[in-house]
Amino acid sequence: MTNPLSRKVIRLLFTVMATMLSVGMTACASPDSASQSPAVTSQHALDTAIEHYIRAHPEVIEQSLQALEVKREALERVRQKAMIDKRQQELLHDPTSPVSGNPNGAVTVIEFFDYRCGYCKRAAGAVTQLQKEDPRVRVVYKDFPILGETSELAAKAALASRVQGKHQVFHEALLAAKGDLTKDTILTVAGEVGLDAHRLEADMANPEWQAAIDRNRALAKELGISGTPGFIVGSELVPGALDVNGLKALIARAAKG
């Protein structure tokens, strides 16, 4: 896959190298020779010199792209940290975001997830195990349906299940469900965990759940979260599925500040 930055970087390299070569040629040439040979410092001559250099040293392009990507990622982490710090209230204390584990825990793990996401299903066991092994942990769930209408339907169902006091068991059952989710399977799973499916379906119509999902989407966009799952502990955001050791490592890094 072609790096989308490559064309911009190559143009940037040409500009930088042109400047460097221009300075170098001017410095190495005597005033008389510089004034007598304007073609040497012409744009065409510089472009030709740069092209020859890059052909002789093609690794320069790759190295520059890699360095630029490292710098970009570092800047993005700084931006994300600042935004996480700015959005602490929404991340930690939105009353519509379900919470599990120790509600007064000293360590909060925030998860952006989608019920139809295979990686979220894979990470679910690790999140459950973490809560069992570490009584300090408080988990905040941010429903972030990105995989279509059924994902949004599942998110609304899970949020609405709080009315009947069954969110956690329903949440875990939805993530453990085999095959793709449909409205029928969502309601079937609801019945299996003791929810009144008819009441749940009525509660799902509450606009409060859509508003919560919309807030999560806006928050994810600000933080640069485009996929699921995404975990936040302290001021660090880690995209992708984590096993229990990965979650513990994230907590340990946050503890060190």
Foldseek 3Di string as FASTA:
>chain_A
DDDPCLVVVVVVVLVVQLVVVLVVVVVPDDPVVCVVCVVCNDPVNSVVVVVVVCVVPVVVSVVSVVVVVVVVVVVLLVQLLVLCVVCVCVQLPDPLWDKDAQNQAPWEKEKEAFLQDPQCLVQVVQVVVLSVVDNRYMYTYQHAHDPDDQRLLLQLLLSLCVVVPQNPVLSNQSSVDPDGDDPVVSLVSCVVSPHPSVVSVVSSPPCVSVVSNVVSNVSCVSSVNDDDIWMDIQSDIDHTRDHNVRVVVRNVVNVVD
